[in-house]
């Protein structure tokens, strides 16, 4: 079984985080599939018990609205009991978008890997990339 890592990235910061998650999944002994959100099918992703979603903060601390927000809306109602990792970067604010996203997924019954999302201010530094790899390994473990 391959673990899907679905992301949207405008500047490459969230893509770098997604690639670190994939690295952790592979190091954890599982297969990973890296998909930009425009390549992903929400119904197909929801068939898996374990997956990761990445999106930066946009606008007034919201998910990217043209592709990622509709994708997340389509997943709602299909994530109960699923082990999900949330991750993304931000350039301003204090991470409110991630807390809101976490609450949405928990309200739908999802189990968040690590209990909360992994965030990075601007480009992910070594600490953020290590956190993504660690979370990827936890995803691989959850898939066993």
C-alpha atoms as a PDB file:
ATOM      1  CA  UNK A   1       0.000   0.000   0.000  1.00  0.00           C
ATOM      2  CA  UNK A   2       1.291   3.432  -0.934  1.00  0.00           C
ATOM      3  CA  UNK A   3       0.758   6.400   1.393  1.00  0.00           C
ATOM      4  CA  UNK A   4      -0.480   9.478  -0.459  1.00  0.00           C
ATOM      5  CA  UNK A   5       1.134  12.839   0.302  1.00  0.00           C
ATOM      6  CA  UNK A   6      -1.097  15.490  -1.288  1.00  0.00           C
ATOM      7  CA  UNK A   7      -0.012  19.121  -1.253  1.00  0.00           C
ATOM      8  CA  UNK A   8      -0.479  22.576  -2.752  1.00  0.00           C
ATOM      9  CA  UNK A   9       2.540  24.872  -2.898  1.00  0.00           C
ATOM     10  CA  UNK A  10       2.857  28.346  -4.332  1.00  0.00           C
ATOM     11  CA  UNK A  11       6.509  29.080  -3.594  1.00  0.00           C
ATOM     12  CA  UNK A  12       7.959  25.597  -3.108  1.00  0.00           C
ATOM     13  CA  UNK A  13       8.081  25.739   0.700  1.00  0.00           C
ATOM     14  CA  UNK A  14       5.220  23.298   1.242  1.00  0.00           C
ATOM     15  CA  UNK A  15       6.523  21.105  -1.584  1.00  0.00           C
ATOM     16  CA  UNK A  16       9.870  20.836   0.257  1.00  0.00           C
ATOM     17  CA  UNK A  17       7.964  19.768   3.358  1.00  0.00           C
ATOM     18  CA  UNK A  18       6.000  17.204   1.320  1.00  0.00           C
ATOM     19  CA  UNK A  19       9.238  15.768  -0.039  1.00  0.00           C
ATOM     20  CA  UNK A  20      10.588  15.453   3.528  1.00  0.00           C
ATOM     21  CA  UNK A  21       7.388  13.623   4.571  1.00  0.00           C
ATOM     22  CA  UNK A  22       7.880  11.221   1.651  1.00  0.00           C
ATOM     23  CA  UNK A  23      11.499  10.663   2.714  1.00  0.00           C
ATOM     24  CA  UNK A  24      10.305   9.766   6.226  1.00  0.00           C
ATOM     25  CA  UNK A  25       7.643   7.390   4.907  1.00  0.00           C
ATOM     26  CA  UNK A  26      10.223   5.555   2.798  1.00  0.00           C
ATOM     27  CA  UNK A  27      12.712   5.463   5.686  1.00  0.00           C
ATOM     28  CA  UNK A  28       9.864   4.066   7.800  1.00  0.00           C
ATOM     29  CA  UNK A  29       9.543   1.138   5.416  1.00  0.00           C
ATOM     30  CA  UNK A  30       6.457   2.115   3.417  1.00  0.00           C
ATOM     31  CA  UNK A  31       5.819   3.319  -0.102  1.00  0.00           C
ATOM     32  CA  UNK A  32       4.791   6.911  -0.737  1.00  0.00           C
ATOM     33  CA  UNK A  33       3.049   8.710  -3.569  1.00  0.00           C
ATOM     34  CA  UNK A  34       3.719  12.448  -3.851  1.00  0.00           C
ATOM     35  CA  UNK A  35       0.836  14.285  -5.533  1.00  0.00           C
ATOM     36  CA  UNK A  36       0.117  17.940  -6.099  1.00  0.00           C
ATOM     37  CA  UNK A  37      -3.542  18.491  -5.266  1.00  0.00           C
ATOM     38  CA  UNK A  38      -4.455  18.976  -8.930  1.00  0.00           C
ATOM     39  CA  UNK A  39      -3.260  15.392  -9.552  1.00  0.00           C
ATOM     40  CA  UNK A  40      -5.194  13.873  -6.631  1.00  0.00           C
ATOM     41  CA  UNK A  41      -8.696  12.427  -6.408  1.00  0.00           C
ATOM     42  CA  UNK A  42     -10.275  12.954  -2.972  1.00  0.00           C
ATOM     43  CA  UNK A  43     -12.399   9.805  -3.147  1.00  0.00           C
ATOM     44  CA  UNK A  44      -9.337   7.730  -4.044  1.00  0.00           C
ATOM     45  CA  UNK A  45      -7.237   9.310  -1.274  1.00  0.00           C
ATOM     46  CA  UNK A  46     -10.027   8.716   1.261  1.00  0.00           C
ATOM     47  CA  UNK A  47      -9.913   4.977   0.510  1.00  0.00           C
ATOM     48  CA  UNK A  48      -6.571   4.866   2.284  1.00  0.00           C
ATOM     49  CA  UNK A  49      -6.394   4.659   6.061  1.00  0.00           C
ATOM     50  CA  UNK A  50      -3.274   6.830   6.214  1.00  0.00           C
ATOM     51  CA  UNK A  51      -2.357   9.941   4.201  1.00  0.00           C
ATOM     52  CA  UNK A  52      -0.822  13.401   4.447  1.00  0.00           C
ATOM     53  CA  UNK A  53      -2.137  16.793   3.352  1.00  0.00           C
ATOM     54  CA  UNK A  54      -0.008  19.901   2.959  1.00  0.00           C
ATOM     55  CA  UNK A  55      -1.011  23.478   2.287  1.00  0.00           C
ATOM     56  CA  UNK A  56       0.441  26.868   3.189  1.00  0.00           C
ATOM     57  CA  UNK A  57      -1.455  29.634   4.885  1.00  0.00           C
ATOM     58  CA  UNK A  58      -3.076  31.945   2.371  1.00  0.00           C
ATOM     59  CA  UNK A  59      -4.900  35.264   2.679  1.00  0.00           C
ATOM     60  CA  UNK A  60      -6.348  35.736   6.144  1.00  0.00           C
ATOM     61  CA  UNK A  61      -4.840  32.471   7.439  1.00  0.00           C
ATOM     62  CA  UNK A  62      -6.868  30.130   5.252  1.00  0.00           C
ATOM     63  CA  UNK A  63      -6.173  27.150   3.023  1.00  0.00           C
ATOM     64  CA  UNK A  64      -5.501  27.880  -0.655  1.00  0.00           C
ATOM     65  CA  UNK A  65      -9.055  28.406  -1.920  1.00  0.00           C
ATOM     66  CA  UNK A  66      -9.146  27.367  -5.580  1.00  0.00           C
ATOM     67  CA  UNK A  67      -7.727  23.823  -5.314  1.00  0.00           C
ATOM     68  CA  UNK A  68      -6.894  22.744  -1.756  1.00  0.00           C
ATOM     69  CA  UNK A  69      -9.993  24.036   0.030  1.00  0.00           C
ATOM     70  CA  UNK A  70     -12.397  22.237  -2.356  1.00  0.00           C
ATOM     71  CA  UNK A  71     -10.260  19.078  -2.018  1.00  0.00           C
ATOM     72  CA  UNK A  72     -10.424  19.240   1.793  1.00  0.00           C
ATOM     73  CA  UNK A  73     -14.173  19.886   1.654  1.00  0.00           C
ATOM     74  CA  UNK A  74     -14.580  16.786  -0.484  1.00  0.00           C
ATOM     75  CA  UNK A  75     -12.599  14.744   2.067  1.00  0.00           C
ATOM     76  CA  UNK A  76     -14.790  15.888   4.947  1.00  0.00           C
ATOM     77  CA  UNK A  77     -17.194  13.117   5.806  1.00  0.00           C
ATOM     78  CA  UNK A  78     -14.688  10.515   4.538  1.00  0.00           C
ATOM     79  CA  UNK A  79     -11.881  10.818   7.111  1.00  0.00           C
ATOM     80  CA  UNK A  80     -13.381   9.286  10.253  1.00  0.00           C
ATOM     81  CA  UNK A  81     -10.857   6.899  11.782  1.00  0.00           C
ATOM     82  CA  UNK A  82      -8.158   7.829   9.247  1.00  0.00           C
ATOM     83  CA  UNK A  83      -4.612   8.643  10.366  1.00  0.00           C
ATOM     84  CA  UNK A  84      -3.752  11.976   8.763  1.00  0.00           C
ATOM     85  CA  UNK A  85      -0.717  14.224   8.816  1.00  0.00           C
ATOM     86  CA  UNK A  86      -1.283  17.935   8.158  1.00  0.00           C
ATOM     87  CA  UNK A  87       1.627  20.215   7.257  1.00  0.00           C
ATOM     88  CA  UNK A  88       2.381  23.555   5.658  1.00  0.00           C
ATOM     89  CA  UNK A  89       4.226  26.842   5.760  1.00  0.00           C
ATOM     90  CA  UNK A  90       3.179  30.391   6.505  1.00  0.00           C
ATOM     91  CA  UNK A  91       4.593  33.846   6.030  1.00  0.00           C
ATOM     92  CA  UNK A  92       2.550  35.880   8.484  1.00  0.00           C
ATOM     93  CA  UNK A  93       0.196  35.343  11.405  1.00  0.00           C
ATOM     94  CA  UNK A  94       0.671  32.752  14.098  1.00  0.00           C
ATOM     95  CA  UNK A  95      -0.441  29.454  12.593  1.00  0.00           C
ATOM     96  CA  UNK A  96      -4.164  29.955  13.089  1.00  0.00           C
ATOM     97  CA  UNK A  97      -4.889  28.363   9.701  1.00  0.00           C
ATOM     98  CA  UNK A  98      -3.319  25.112  10.891  1.00  0.00           C
ATOM     99  CA  UNK A  99      -5.266  25.085  14.161  1.00  0.00           C
ATOM    100  CA  UNK A 100      -8.490  25.651  12.224  1.00  0.00           C
ATOM    101  CA  UNK A 101      -7.586  22.848   9.783  1.00  0.00           C
ATOM    102  CA  UNK A 102      -6.732  20.504  12.672  1.00  0.00           C
ATOM    103  CA  UNK A 103     -10.078  21.229  14.315  1.00  0.00           C
ATOM    104  CA  UNK A 104     -11.945  20.574  11.053  1.00  0.00           C
ATOM    105  CA  UNK A 105     -10.302  17.204  10.545  1.00  0.00           C
ATOM    106  CA  UNK A 106     -10.704  16.157  14.189  1.00  0.00           C
ATOM    107  CA  UNK A 107     -14.381  17.151  14.063  1.00  0.00           C
ATOM    108  CA  UNK A 108     -14.743  14.750  11.120  1.00  0.00           C
ATOM    109  CA  UNK A 109     -13.190  11.932  13.180  1.00  0.00           C
ATOM    110  CA  UNK A 110      -9.658  11.949  11.797  1.00  0.00           C
ATOM    111  CA  UNK A 111      -6.715  11.010  14.007  1.00  0.00           C
ATOM    112  CA  UNK A 112      -3.878  13.493  13.552  1.00  0.00           C
ATOM    113  CA  UNK A 113      -0.396  12.004  13.407  1.00  0.00           C
ATOM    114  CA  UNK A 114       1.609  13.650  16.178  1.00  0.00           C
ATOM    115  CA  UNK A 115      -1.565  15.258  17.547  1.00  0.00           C
ATOM    116  CA  UNK A 116      -1.100  18.423  15.490  1.00  0.00           C
ATOM    117  CA  UNK A 117       0.176  19.659  12.156  1.00  0.00           C
ATOM    118  CA  UNK A 118       3.775  20.452  11.251  1.00  0.00           C
ATOM    119  CA  UNK A 119       4.300  24.104  10.335  1.00  0.00           C
ATOM    120  CA  UNK A 120       7.220  26.191   9.141  1.00  0.00           C
ATOM    121  CA  UNK A 121       7.606  29.950   8.958  1.00  0.00           C
ATOM    122  CA  UNK A 122       8.580  30.758   5.355  1.00  0.00           C
ATOM    123  CA  UNK A 123      11.046  28.217   3.918  1.00  0.00           C
ATOM    124  CA  UNK A 124      11.282  25.146   6.139  1.00  0.00           C
ATOM    125  CA  UNK A 125      14.504  25.057   8.127  1.00  0.00           C
ATOM    126  CA  UNK A 126      16.327  21.899   9.165  1.00  0.00           C
ATOM    127  CA  UNK A 127      14.155  21.554  12.275  1.00  0.00           C
ATOM    128  CA  UNK A 128      10.933  21.719  10.241  1.00  0.00           C
ATOM    129  CA  UNK A 129      12.231  19.276   7.635  1.00  0.00           C
ATOM    130  CA  UNK A 130      13.290  16.868  10.393  1.00  0.00           C
ATOM    131  CA  UNK A 131       9.803  17.174  11.934  1.00  0.00           C
ATOM    132  CA  UNK A 132       8.308  16.310   8.530  1.00  0.00           C
ATOM    133  CA  UNK A 133      10.560  13.263   8.183  1.00  0.00           C
ATOM    134  CA  UNK A 134       9.677  12.123  11.696  1.00  0.00           C
ATOM    135  CA  UNK A 135       5.978  12.564  10.943  1.00  0.00           C
ATOM    136  CA  UNK A 136       6.443  10.579   7.716  1.00  0.00           C
ATOM    137  CA  UNK A 137       7.955   7.730   9.715  1.00  0.00           C
ATOM    138  CA  UNK A 138       4.968   7.884  12.079  1.00  0.00           C
ATOM    139  CA  UNK A 139       2.649   7.656   9.047  1.00  0.00           C
ATOM    140  CA  UNK A 140       4.531   4.561   7.870  1.00  0.00           C
ATOM    141  CA  UNK A 141       4.161   3.031  11.334  1.00  0.00           C
ATOM    142  CA  UNK A 142       0.420   3.834  11.397  1.00  0.00           C
ATOM    143  CA  UNK A 143       0.035   2.071   8.048  1.00  0.00           C
ATOM    144  CA  UNK A 144       1.387  -1.241   9.393  1.00  0.00           C
END
